[in-house]
């Protein structure tokens, strides 16, 4: 018996949501406290920053999905990491010099694999429309105050203010705050040292920051303690090593950005299922 198309879509989406990790509470729509962040979606196997990559990240159970936003020549918001479309599409030119109509004609999937031929560059609205309401959205801005304001408006229009974290520099953050000061932001205004970056995040009232893997990791425990004391959540960019999942989460990192999503999620599941050790 064939299901009506409406029921078929509902059934497919329900299965997709139920496949997510156990740290996501489906009943009351709560957000996970920690987990693995899909960097530009499931980009190891799918073309980065596309709906295909985001859908796969959702299917695998990512607790957070990171993607990049830019503004086109005609002031539309699209998902693209590079300033130019050259690397991830069959087109050429700066995103800011192209209209949405021209960008939508580009193939954003064939470069990864022929099976993704005709995958298109999504708009921010299209990306938000497919996201579950119970995972974090790490929205990385590639632009200025005007982009910050436009992105904040899009987040509000899509009713995603509870889960959206707009990752941006100080200039773009002004646009976000002008629209709605309650929208969470991740400080991407990195200074000359990690200490200055940590202090600047605290002083400027950001909800998140993104620590980069570096030689400064020997001071990571002290930095994490200070951030936690000030109620700041920590994204860590990045790790592809399954063995570091427990180490980083035990230290206080909230979300680990990765390009090896499937394997890192497996390590996260093991971390969650490991029996706790009671102190003697």
C-alpha atoms as a PDB file:
ATOM      1  CA  UNK A   1       0.000   0.000   0.000  1.00  0.00           C
ATOM      2  CA  UNK A   2       1.414   3.393  -0.956  1.00  0.00           C
ATOM      3  CA  UNK A   3       1.363   6.124   1.677  1.00  0.00           C
ATOM      4  CA  UNK A   4      -0.006   9.570   0.741  1.00  0.00           C
ATOM      5  CA  UNK A   5       2.881  11.919   0.054  1.00  0.00           C
ATOM      6  CA  UNK A   6       2.167  14.021   3.168  1.00  0.00           C
ATOM      7  CA  UNK A   7       2.305  10.998   5.470  1.00  0.00           C
ATOM      8  CA  UNK A   8       5.409   9.728   3.705  1.00  0.00           C
ATOM      9  CA  UNK A   9       7.241  13.001   4.332  1.00  0.00           C
ATOM     10  CA  UNK A  10       6.135  13.033   7.993  1.00  0.00           C
ATOM     11  CA  UNK A  11       7.238   9.408   8.474  1.00  0.00           C
ATOM     12  CA  UNK A  12      10.634  10.066   6.869  1.00  0.00           C
ATOM     13  CA  UNK A  13      11.251  13.183   8.973  1.00  0.00           C
ATOM     14  CA  UNK A  14      10.226  11.411  12.196  1.00  0.00           C
ATOM     15  CA  UNK A  15      12.713   8.643  11.538  1.00  0.00           C
ATOM     16  CA  UNK A  16      15.391  11.217  10.770  1.00  0.00           C
ATOM     17  CA  UNK A  17      14.876  13.019  14.070  1.00  0.00           C
ATOM     18  CA  UNK A  18      14.668   9.816  16.111  1.00  0.00           C
ATOM     19  CA  UNK A  19      18.021   8.694  14.726  1.00  0.00           C
ATOM     20  CA  UNK A  20      19.812  11.478  16.646  1.00  0.00           C
ATOM     21  CA  UNK A  21      22.025  10.851  19.666  1.00  0.00           C
ATOM     22  CA  UNK A  22      20.612  10.164  23.098  1.00  0.00           C
ATOM     23  CA  UNK A  23      21.948  13.460  24.477  1.00  0.00           C
ATOM     24  CA  UNK A  24      19.163  15.280  22.611  1.00  0.00           C
ATOM     25  CA  UNK A  25      15.885  15.283  24.552  1.00  0.00           C
ATOM     26  CA  UNK A  26      13.150  14.894  21.959  1.00  0.00           C
ATOM     27  CA  UNK A  27      10.333  15.112  24.465  1.00  0.00           C
ATOM     28  CA  UNK A  28      10.900  18.629  25.775  1.00  0.00           C
ATOM     29  CA  UNK A  29      13.045  19.989  22.948  1.00  0.00           C
ATOM     30  CA  UNK A  30      16.036  20.658  25.244  1.00  0.00           C
ATOM     31  CA  UNK A  31      19.448  21.279  23.769  1.00  0.00           C
ATOM     32  CA  UNK A  32      22.479  19.050  24.389  1.00  0.00           C
ATOM     33  CA  UNK A  33      25.037  20.247  26.917  1.00  0.00           C
ATOM     34  CA  UNK A  34      27.968  18.886  24.904  1.00  0.00           C
ATOM     35  CA  UNK A  35      28.770  16.840  21.836  1.00  0.00           C
ATOM     36  CA  UNK A  36      30.231  16.850  18.355  1.00  0.00           C
ATOM     37  CA  UNK A  37      29.839  19.701  15.884  1.00  0.00           C
ATOM     38  CA  UNK A  38      29.621  18.916  12.177  1.00  0.00           C
ATOM     39  CA  UNK A  39      32.030  21.395  10.574  1.00  0.00           C
ATOM     40  CA  UNK A  40      30.279  22.679   7.428  1.00  0.00           C
ATOM     41  CA  UNK A  41      27.948  19.703   7.763  1.00  0.00           C
ATOM     42  CA  UNK A  42      29.059  16.135   7.126  1.00  0.00           C
ATOM     43  CA  UNK A  43      31.766  17.402   4.806  1.00  0.00           C
ATOM     44  CA  UNK A  44      33.942  14.284   4.864  1.00  0.00           C
ATOM     45  CA  UNK A  45      31.410  12.435   2.710  1.00  0.00           C
ATOM     46  CA  UNK A  46      29.189  15.221   1.349  1.00  0.00           C
ATOM     47  CA  UNK A  47      29.826  18.591  -0.332  1.00  0.00           C
ATOM     48  CA  UNK A  48      30.422  21.132   2.416  1.00  0.00           C
ATOM     49  CA  UNK A  49      27.819  23.737   3.330  1.00  0.00           C
ATOM     50  CA  UNK A  50      25.041  22.128   1.299  1.00  0.00           C
ATOM     51  CA  UNK A  51      21.649  20.778   2.292  1.00  0.00           C
ATOM     52  CA  UNK A  52      22.967  17.292   1.522  1.00  0.00           C
ATOM     53  CA  UNK A  53      25.793  17.738   4.049  1.00  0.00           C
ATOM     54  CA  UNK A  54      23.426  19.130   6.680  1.00  0.00           C
ATOM     55  CA  UNK A  55      20.867  16.360   6.184  1.00  0.00           C
ATOM     56  CA  UNK A  56      23.583  13.738   6.616  1.00  0.00           C
ATOM     57  CA  UNK A  57      24.858  15.446   9.773  1.00  0.00           C
ATOM     58  CA  UNK A  58      21.331  15.380  11.179  1.00  0.00           C
ATOM     59  CA  UNK A  59      20.945  11.719  10.263  1.00  0.00           C
ATOM     60  CA  UNK A  60      24.205  10.815  11.989  1.00  0.00           C
ATOM     61  CA  UNK A  61      23.140  12.639  15.144  1.00  0.00           C
ATOM     62  CA  UNK A  62      25.371  15.713  15.345  1.00  0.00           C
ATOM     63  CA  UNK A  63      24.672  17.790  18.440  1.00  0.00           C
ATOM     64  CA  UNK A  64      25.739  20.976  16.645  1.00  0.00           C
ATOM     65  CA  UNK A  65      26.073  21.923  12.975  1.00  0.00           C
ATOM     66  CA  UNK A  66      28.412  24.692  11.833  1.00  0.00           C
ATOM     67  CA  UNK A  67      27.920  26.585   8.566  1.00  0.00           C
ATOM     68  CA  UNK A  68      29.073  29.839   7.000  1.00  0.00           C
ATOM     69  CA  UNK A  69      26.950  32.785   5.874  1.00  0.00           C
ATOM     70  CA  UNK A  70      27.741  35.494   3.333  1.00  0.00           C
ATOM     71  CA  UNK A  71      25.755  38.220   1.594  1.00  0.00           C
ATOM     72  CA  UNK A  72      25.286  38.321  -2.159  1.00  0.00           C
ATOM     73  CA  UNK A  73      25.381  41.364  -4.427  1.00  0.00           C
ATOM     74  CA  UNK A  74      21.601  41.682  -4.068  1.00  0.00           C
ATOM     75  CA  UNK A  75      21.692  41.400  -0.254  1.00  0.00           C
ATOM     76  CA  UNK A  76      20.610  37.763   0.015  1.00  0.00           C
ATOM     77  CA  UNK A  77      22.121  35.390   2.584  1.00  0.00           C
ATOM     78  CA  UNK A  78      23.776  32.244   1.254  1.00  0.00           C
ATOM     79  CA  UNK A  79      25.805  29.427   2.771  1.00  0.00           C
ATOM     80  CA  UNK A  80      29.398  29.573   1.558  1.00  0.00           C
ATOM     81  CA  UNK A  81      32.764  29.466   3.328  1.00  0.00           C
ATOM     82  CA  UNK A  82      35.169  30.993   0.811  1.00  0.00           C
ATOM     83  CA  UNK A  83      34.979  34.575  -0.431  1.00  0.00           C
ATOM     84  CA  UNK A  84      34.899  33.144  -3.943  1.00  0.00           C
ATOM     85  CA  UNK A  85      32.651  30.397  -5.315  1.00  0.00           C
ATOM     86  CA  UNK A  86      35.554  28.879  -7.280  1.00  0.00           C
ATOM     87  CA  UNK A  87      36.547  25.997  -4.995  1.00  0.00           C
ATOM     88  CA  UNK A  88      33.150  24.500  -4.183  1.00  0.00           C
ATOM     89  CA  UNK A  89      31.121  25.224  -7.323  1.00  0.00           C
ATOM     90  CA  UNK A  90      31.560  25.226 -11.075  1.00  0.00           C
ATOM     91  CA  UNK A  91      31.457  29.029 -11.119  1.00  0.00           C
ATOM     92  CA  UNK A  92      33.921  31.831 -10.550  1.00  0.00           C
ATOM     93  CA  UNK A  93      33.898  35.133  -8.697  1.00  0.00           C
ATOM     94  CA  UNK A  94      33.339  36.718  -5.318  1.00  0.00           C
ATOM     95  CA  UNK A  95      30.108  35.872  -3.532  1.00  0.00           C
ATOM     96  CA  UNK A  96      29.582  39.578  -2.911  1.00  0.00           C
ATOM     97  CA  UNK A  97      29.785  40.321  -6.635  1.00  0.00           C
ATOM     98  CA  UNK A  98      27.199  37.715  -7.663  1.00  0.00           C
ATOM     99  CA  UNK A  99      23.415  37.841  -7.456  1.00  0.00           C
ATOM    100  CA  UNK A 100      21.456  35.079  -5.772  1.00  0.00           C
ATOM    101  CA  UNK A 101      20.021  34.111  -9.151  1.00  0.00           C
ATOM    102  CA  UNK A 102      23.510  33.511 -10.566  1.00  0.00           C
ATOM    103  CA  UNK A 103      24.675  31.631  -7.497  1.00  0.00           C
ATOM    104  CA  UNK A 104      21.613  29.398  -7.602  1.00  0.00           C
ATOM    105  CA  UNK A 105      22.550  28.306 -11.122  1.00  0.00           C
ATOM    106  CA  UNK A 106      25.879  26.904  -9.907  1.00  0.00           C
ATOM    107  CA  UNK A 107      26.566  23.244  -9.200  1.00  0.00           C
ATOM    108  CA  UNK A 108      27.809  22.984  -5.602  1.00  0.00           C
ATOM    109  CA  UNK A 109      28.107  19.202  -5.438  1.00  0.00           C
ATOM    110  CA  UNK A 110      29.825  17.697  -8.441  1.00  0.00           C
ATOM    111  CA  UNK A 111      33.299  18.744  -7.238  1.00  0.00           C
ATOM    112  CA  UNK A 112      32.871  16.314  -4.338  1.00  0.00           C
ATOM    113  CA  UNK A 113      31.323  13.418  -6.233  1.00  0.00           C
ATOM    114  CA  UNK A 114      29.226  12.882  -9.341  1.00  0.00           C
ATOM    115  CA  UNK A 115      26.381  11.595  -7.173  1.00  0.00           C
ATOM    116  CA  UNK A 116      25.977  15.134  -5.813  1.00  0.00           C
ATOM    117  CA  UNK A 117      25.721  16.691  -9.262  1.00  0.00           C
ATOM    118  CA  UNK A 118      23.259  19.626  -9.328  1.00  0.00           C
ATOM    119  CA  UNK A 119      23.406  20.180  -5.557  1.00  0.00           C
ATOM    120  CA  UNK A 120      22.833  23.914  -5.137  1.00  0.00           C
ATOM    121  CA  UNK A 121      24.229  26.570  -2.838  1.00  0.00           C
ATOM    122  CA  UNK A 122      21.564  26.963  -0.145  1.00  0.00           C
ATOM    123  CA  UNK A 123      20.236  30.196   1.269  1.00  0.00           C
ATOM    124  CA  UNK A 124      20.299  30.717   5.012  1.00  0.00           C
ATOM    125  CA  UNK A 125      16.516  30.320   5.075  1.00  0.00           C
ATOM    126  CA  UNK A 126      16.711  26.984   3.255  1.00  0.00           C
ATOM    127  CA  UNK A 127      19.338  25.744   5.708  1.00  0.00           C
ATOM    128  CA  UNK A 128      17.343  26.848   8.752  1.00  0.00           C
ATOM    129  CA  UNK A 129      14.168  25.282   7.384  1.00  0.00           C
ATOM    130  CA  UNK A 130      15.594  21.738   7.478  1.00  0.00           C
ATOM    131  CA  UNK A 131      17.236  21.930  10.900  1.00  0.00           C
ATOM    132  CA  UNK A 132      15.693  20.147  13.901  1.00  0.00           C
ATOM    133  CA  UNK A 133      14.750  22.443  16.779  1.00  0.00           C
ATOM    134  CA  UNK A 134      16.824  20.500  19.332  1.00  0.00           C
ATOM    135  CA  UNK A 135      20.406  20.868  18.103  1.00  0.00           C
ATOM    136  CA  UNK A 136      22.735  23.848  18.197  1.00  0.00           C
ATOM    137  CA  UNK A 137      23.240  25.910  15.051  1.00  0.00           C
ATOM    138  CA  UNK A 138      26.731  27.412  14.820  1.00  0.00           C
ATOM    139  CA  UNK A 139      26.230  30.202  12.280  1.00  0.00           C
ATOM    140  CA  UNK A 140      29.615  31.597  11.244  1.00  0.00           C
ATOM    141  CA  UNK A 141      29.421  35.033   9.630  1.00  0.00           C
ATOM    142  CA  UNK A 142      31.760  36.080   6.841  1.00  0.00           C
ATOM    143  CA  UNK A 143      30.993  39.766   6.801  1.00  0.00           C
ATOM    144  CA  UNK A 144      30.309  43.026   8.588  1.00  0.00           C
ATOM    145  CA  UNK A 145      27.698  44.734  10.764  1.00  0.00           C
ATOM    146  CA  UNK A 146      25.118  44.666   7.961  1.00  0.00           C
ATOM    147  CA  UNK A 147      25.488  40.891   7.654  1.00  0.00           C
ATOM    148  CA  UNK A 148      25.171  40.563  11.432  1.00  0.00           C
ATOM    149  CA  UNK A 149      21.881  42.441  11.440  1.00  0.00           C
ATOM    150  CA  UNK A 150      20.465  40.537   8.445  1.00  0.00           C
ATOM    151  CA  UNK A 151      21.402  37.186   9.959  1.00  0.00           C
ATOM    152  CA  UNK A 152      19.829  38.085  13.291  1.00  0.00           C
ATOM    153  CA  UNK A 153      16.608  39.018  11.484  1.00  0.00           C
ATOM    154  CA  UNK A 154      16.641  35.691   9.623  1.00  0.00           C
ATOM    155  CA  UNK A 155      17.164  33.742  12.856  1.00  0.00           C
ATOM    156  CA  UNK A 156      14.218  35.525  14.480  1.00  0.00           C
ATOM    157  CA  UNK A 157      11.978  35.042  11.427  1.00  0.00           C
ATOM    158  CA  UNK A 158      12.742  31.313  11.472  1.00  0.00           C
ATOM    159  CA  UNK A 159      12.003  31.056  15.216  1.00  0.00           C
ATOM    160  CA  UNK A 160      15.526  29.738  15.912  1.00  0.00           C
ATOM    161  CA  UNK A 161      16.673  32.183  18.570  1.00  0.00           C
ATOM    162  CA  UNK A 162      16.741  29.437  21.234  1.00  0.00           C
ATOM    163  CA  UNK A 163      19.343  27.344  19.380  1.00  0.00           C
ATOM    164  CA  UNK A 164      21.258  29.733  17.140  1.00  0.00           C
ATOM    165  CA  UNK A 165      24.773  30.838  18.040  1.00  0.00           C
ATOM    166  CA  UNK A 166      26.033  33.523  15.682  1.00  0.00           C
ATOM    167  CA  UNK A 167      29.821  33.246  15.454  1.00  0.00           C
ATOM    168  CA  UNK A 168      31.234  36.600  14.426  1.00  0.00           C
ATOM    169  CA  UNK A 169      33.784  39.336  14.995  1.00  0.00           C
ATOM    170  CA  UNK A 170      33.152  42.521  16.956  1.00  0.00           C
ATOM    171  CA  UNK A 171      31.934  44.477  13.926  1.00  0.00           C
ATOM    172  CA  UNK A 172      29.295  41.916  12.921  1.00  0.00           C
ATOM    173  CA  UNK A 173      28.261  41.507  16.564  1.00  0.00           C
ATOM    174  CA  UNK A 174      27.141  45.151  16.586  1.00  0.00           C
ATOM    175  CA  UNK A 175      24.576  44.332  13.910  1.00  0.00           C
ATOM    176  CA  UNK A 176      23.334  41.288  15.830  1.00  0.00           C
ATOM    177  CA  UNK A 177      22.968  43.253  19.072  1.00  0.00           C
ATOM    178  CA  UNK A 178      21.212  46.103  17.262  1.00  0.00           C
ATOM    179  CA  UNK A 179      18.486  43.704  16.143  1.00  0.00           C
ATOM    180  CA  UNK A 180      18.226  41.614  19.317  1.00  0.00           C
ATOM    181  CA  UNK A 181      20.694  41.598  22.180  1.00  0.00           C
ATOM    182  CA  UNK A 182      19.351  38.252  23.429  1.00  0.00           C
ATOM    183  CA  UNK A 183      20.704  36.289  20.463  1.00  0.00           C
ATOM    184  CA  UNK A 184      23.647  34.158  21.562  1.00  0.00           C
ATOM    185  CA  UNK A 185      26.986  34.901  19.935  1.00  0.00           C
ATOM    186  CA  UNK A 186      30.345  33.170  19.716  1.00  0.00           C
ATOM    187  CA  UNK A 187      33.341  35.501  19.865  1.00  0.00           C
ATOM    188  CA  UNK A 188      35.471  35.130  16.738  1.00  0.00           C
ATOM    189  CA  UNK A 189      37.526  38.276  17.359  1.00  0.00           C
ATOM    190  CA  UNK A 190      40.724  36.427  18.179  1.00  0.00           C
ATOM    191  CA  UNK A 191      43.513  38.585  19.588  1.00  0.00           C
ATOM    192  CA  UNK A 192      47.254  38.126  19.883  1.00  0.00           C
ATOM    193  CA  UNK A 193      47.037  35.519  22.629  1.00  0.00           C
ATOM    194  CA  UNK A 194      44.559  33.012  23.977  1.00  0.00           C
ATOM    195  CA  UNK A 195      44.547  34.855  27.323  1.00  0.00           C
ATOM    196  CA  UNK A 196      43.439  38.090  25.640  1.00  0.00           C
ATOM    197  CA  UNK A 197      40.832  36.179  23.652  1.00  0.00           C
ATOM    198  CA  UNK A 198      39.396  34.565  26.787  1.00  0.00           C
ATOM    199  CA  UNK A 199      39.332  37.870  28.663  1.00  0.00           C
ATOM    200  CA  UNK A 200      37.764  39.707  25.711  1.00  0.00           C
ATOM    201  CA  UNK A 201      35.026  37.099  25.453  1.00  0.00           C
ATOM    202  CA  UNK A 202      34.149  37.522  29.108  1.00  0.00           C
ATOM    203  CA  UNK A 203      34.314  41.333  29.065  1.00  0.00           C
ATOM    204  CA  UNK A 204      32.127  41.686  25.966  1.00  0.00           C
ATOM    205  CA  UNK A 205      29.367  39.348  27.129  1.00  0.00           C
ATOM    206  CA  UNK A 206      29.621  36.588  24.523  1.00  0.00           C
ATOM    207  CA  UNK A 207      27.831  33.309  25.269  1.00  0.00           C
ATOM    208  CA  UNK A 208      30.369  31.125  23.435  1.00  0.00           C
ATOM    209  CA  UNK A 209      33.940  31.241  22.223  1.00  0.00           C
ATOM    210  CA  UNK A 210      35.844  28.983  19.861  1.00  0.00           C
ATOM    211  CA  UNK A 211      39.229  27.844  21.104  1.00  0.00           C
ATOM    212  CA  UNK A 212      41.671  26.748  18.438  1.00  0.00           C
ATOM    213  CA  UNK A 213      43.859  23.709  18.782  1.00  0.00           C
ATOM    214  CA  UNK A 214      47.329  25.063  19.475  1.00  0.00           C
ATOM    215  CA  UNK A 215      50.456  24.810  21.559  1.00  0.00           C
ATOM    216  CA  UNK A 216      48.587  26.766  24.210  1.00  0.00           C
ATOM    217  CA  UNK A 217      46.635  23.596  25.008  1.00  0.00           C
ATOM    218  CA  UNK A 218      48.931  23.022  27.970  1.00  0.00           C
ATOM    219  CA  UNK A 219      47.124  25.974  29.572  1.00  0.00           C
ATOM    220  CA  UNK A 220      43.715  24.733  28.415  1.00  0.00           C
ATOM    221  CA  UNK A 221      42.452  23.509  31.843  1.00  0.00           C
ATOM    222  CA  UNK A 222      42.991  26.922  33.447  1.00  0.00           C
ATOM    223  CA  UNK A 223      41.332  28.721  30.508  1.00  0.00           C
ATOM    224  CA  UNK A 224      38.347  26.363  30.600  1.00  0.00           C
ATOM    225  CA  UNK A 225      37.910  26.822  34.348  1.00  0.00           C
ATOM    226  CA  UNK A 226      37.854  30.607  33.967  1.00  0.00           C
ATOM    227  CA  UNK A 227      35.347  30.440  31.106  1.00  0.00           C
ATOM    228  CA  UNK A 228      33.055  28.051  32.974  1.00  0.00           C
ATOM    229  CA  UNK A 229      33.108  30.296  36.030  1.00  0.00           C
ATOM    230  CA  UNK A 230      31.772  33.061  33.792  1.00  0.00           C
ATOM    231  CA  UNK A 231      29.051  30.903  32.229  1.00  0.00           C
ATOM    232  CA  UNK A 232      30.640  30.721  28.772  1.00  0.00           C
ATOM    233  CA  UNK A 233      30.314  27.631  26.589  1.00  0.00           C
ATOM    234  CA  UNK A 234      33.345  26.415  24.673  1.00  0.00           C
ATOM    235  CA  UNK A 235      33.595  25.235  21.083  1.00  0.00           C
ATOM    236  CA  UNK A 236      36.917  23.614  20.200  1.00  0.00           C
ATOM    237  CA  UNK A 237      38.321  23.857  16.683  1.00  0.00           C
ATOM    238  CA  UNK A 238      39.177  21.280  15.879  1.00  0.00           C
ATOM    239  CA  UNK A 239      39.887  17.586  16.445  1.00  0.00           C
ATOM    240  CA  UNK A 240      39.792  14.589  14.147  1.00  0.00           C
ATOM    241  CA  UNK A 241      41.198  12.226  16.784  1.00  0.00           C
ATOM    242  CA  UNK A 242      38.685   9.905  18.410  1.00  0.00           C
ATOM    243  CA  UNK A 243      41.015   9.455  21.370  1.00  0.00           C
ATOM    244  CA  UNK A 244      40.740  13.156  22.275  1.00  0.00           C
ATOM    245  CA  UNK A 245      36.960  13.197  22.665  1.00  0.00           C
ATOM    246  CA  UNK A 246      36.972  12.045  26.283  1.00  0.00           C
ATOM    247  CA  UNK A 247      39.990  14.208  27.116  1.00  0.00           C
ATOM    248  CA  UNK A 248      38.425  17.398  25.763  1.00  0.00           C
ATOM    249  CA  UNK A 249      34.956  16.817  27.187  1.00  0.00           C
ATOM    250  CA  UNK A 250      36.327  15.851  30.592  1.00  0.00           C
ATOM    251  CA  UNK A 251      38.369  19.068  30.546  1.00  0.00           C
ATOM    252  CA  UNK A 252      35.216  21.148  30.014  1.00  0.00           C
ATOM    253  CA  UNK A 253      34.909  21.639  26.243  1.00  0.00           C
ATOM    254  CA  UNK A 254      31.258  21.676  25.204  1.00  0.00           C
ATOM    255  CA  UNK A 255      31.414  21.010  21.467  1.00  0.00           C
ATOM    256  CA  UNK A 256      34.231  19.644  19.312  1.00  0.00           C
ATOM    257  CA  UNK A 257      34.238  20.763  15.682  1.00  0.00           C
ATOM    258  CA  UNK A 258      35.302  18.019  13.313  1.00  0.00           C
ATOM    259  CA  UNK A 259      35.472  16.937   9.685  1.00  0.00           C
ATOM    260  CA  UNK A 260      35.353  13.237  10.661  1.00  0.00           C
ATOM    261  CA  UNK A 261      31.813  13.348  11.923  1.00  0.00           C
ATOM    262  CA  UNK A 262      30.841   9.676  11.938  1.00  0.00           C
ATOM    263  CA  UNK A 263      33.910   8.436  13.818  1.00  0.00           C
ATOM    264  CA  UNK A 264      33.875  11.293  16.309  1.00  0.00           C
ATOM    265  CA  UNK A 265      30.184  10.693  17.057  1.00  0.00           C
ATOM    266  CA  UNK A 266      30.988   7.032  17.709  1.00  0.00           C
ATOM    267  CA  UNK A 267      33.642   8.128  20.209  1.00  0.00           C
ATOM    268  CA  UNK A 268      31.169  10.527  21.812  1.00  0.00           C
ATOM    269  CA  UNK A 269      28.610   7.725  22.203  1.00  0.00           C
ATOM    270  CA  UNK A 270      31.266   5.613  23.944  1.00  0.00           C
ATOM    271  CA  UNK A 271      32.064   8.542  26.221  1.00  0.00           C
ATOM    272  CA  UNK A 272      28.393   8.823  27.181  1.00  0.00           C
ATOM    273  CA  UNK A 273      27.927   5.091  27.726  1.00  0.00           C
ATOM    274  CA  UNK A 274      31.069   4.589  29.834  1.00  0.00           C
ATOM    275  CA  UNK A 275      30.207   3.828  33.495  1.00  0.00           C
ATOM    276  CA  UNK A 276      31.036   6.641  35.877  1.00  0.00           C
ATOM    277  CA  UNK A 277      33.707   5.973  38.479  1.00  0.00           C
ATOM    278  CA  UNK A 278      32.653   6.798  42.025  1.00  0.00           C
ATOM    279  CA  UNK A 279      35.369   8.505  44.104  1.00  0.00           C
ATOM    280  CA  UNK A 280      36.696   6.387  46.974  1.00  0.00           C
END
